[in-house]
Amino acid sequence: MAKTIQAIRGMNDCLPDVSGIWQQVESTLRQVVASYGYQEIRTPIVESTELFKRSIGEVTDIVEKEMYTFEDRNGDNLTLRPEGTASCVRAGNEHGLLYNQQQRLWYMGPMFRHERPQKGRYRQFHQFGVETYGLDGPDIDIEVIMLSARLWKAFGISNHVRLEINSLGSNEARQAYREALIAFLKSRADQLDDDSKRRLESNPLRVLDSKNPDVQKALEGAPSLLDHLDDASAQHFSQLCERLRQAGIEYEVNPRLVRGLDYYNRTVFEWVTDSLGAQGTVCAGGRYDGLVEQLGGKSTPAVGFAMGMERLVLLLTTLDAQTQHNASADVYVTALGDEAAVYAMAVSEQLRDALPQTRITMHCGGGNMKKQLKRADKTGARVALLIGEEEAQNKQVTIKPLRGQQEQVTIALAEVPGSLATMME
């Protein structure tokens, strides 16, 4: 017997028993962004490796350790996209969507990072994100955060997430802060772990984000980003905080909040939860005003966020906040005899025309009525249509409710769509 082939570690199948909740989540995401006037953009899964080196930063963990990179037959260096923002900017520059224009975009799809698989964090994962371009005031920062807050409301989990915000300031202000932070960290180098020591010169702000409790203790008394903001960034952040208060959105200022990607400036934010253990970040984003120019376009302000959909699904199922419908059918059509089977197939097609939102499954494979009804129950259908030779001859259908206490009835075919529509409400 040939050896069975299994999925690659960290790249998971989405089976029918869980695909229902994914469909509900995707539908809710689409509805919310549409209500804000955002438009979908779809980019390729494979991009030039240089795109991510220039945008994310060559000394980040993603580029150094996690990207799936390969050389194709033409000798081009390609990478499976590890995140969505860089691809959106590349597409915007390439197709002339960004310069002197305002864009509100959203995307959803698979991303790839080679890291240790764990619950809520996989090597192939799915991200949903929004990106806005051409707007530089704090009002668009507020809109993006309000949009994300509305998502939690739509999913019924507002009480299980909290907002943390910070400002990274301008590139110049951040460089001054970087030097002050390096000086502080060098004075406590003996308290840092190897990873933090490695980042000390290349990317010291990431030390602030260390999950090592010993490193966090060493950071006590470290200089604050907020004390090194330039005047324009300080005013921008002050307006952001005031508008959030006016909008009734609760938040915490976290002066150690940084993002793992080099392109962020000014506003950064995260929605975090205490319901998933160590996997606390549900959604994260911020402003990245220099990235469009960095990737060859004209200077363009930008702000957005992204969320891992696996982690969102995990949070929803952990909190039982999303009703999962495992039923594969609403109506199950049975038939006894050859004439009844031909009639039942025609009935099924007519009902699909009349009730396009109703899932109608036609029994195949024969068998007695007991066997067919057992199959109907297994699909989770609410109603079975019983069709025998008598129903076929008289152009009738017997409706048998499978859930609840209603009695079965035999009615004319013309009355069936209305009766089913009432029962499906």
Foldseek 3Di string as FASTA:
>chain_A
DDDDDDDDFQDDDDDLQRVQLVVVLVVLLVVLVVVVVAAEDDFDQKDQLVLCCLWQHCPFCQNVPWWDWDADPVRGIMTGAQDDPSRVLVVCQVVVNAPPHKHKYKYKDWGATPDDDDQLDGRIFMKIKIKIKFDDALVVVLVQVVSVCVSCVVLVNNVFKAKEKEFQADPVLVVVLLVQQLVLCVVVVVQDDPVCVVCSPPPNLCLLVDPDVSSVVSCVVRDFSLVSHDPVLVVRVVVNVVVCVVVVGDYHYDRSDDDSGDQAGRMKMFMFGPQPPPPTTFKIWHKRQCNSVSVPHPGMTMIMMMGTVSNVSVVCVSVVSDDGDSAQFQEEEEEDDDLQLVQSVVLQVVLCVLPVPGGYHYDDDDDDPVVSVVVVVVNVHQWYWYTYPVCSVVQKIWIPGPDDDDHIDIDHSVCVNVVVVVVVD
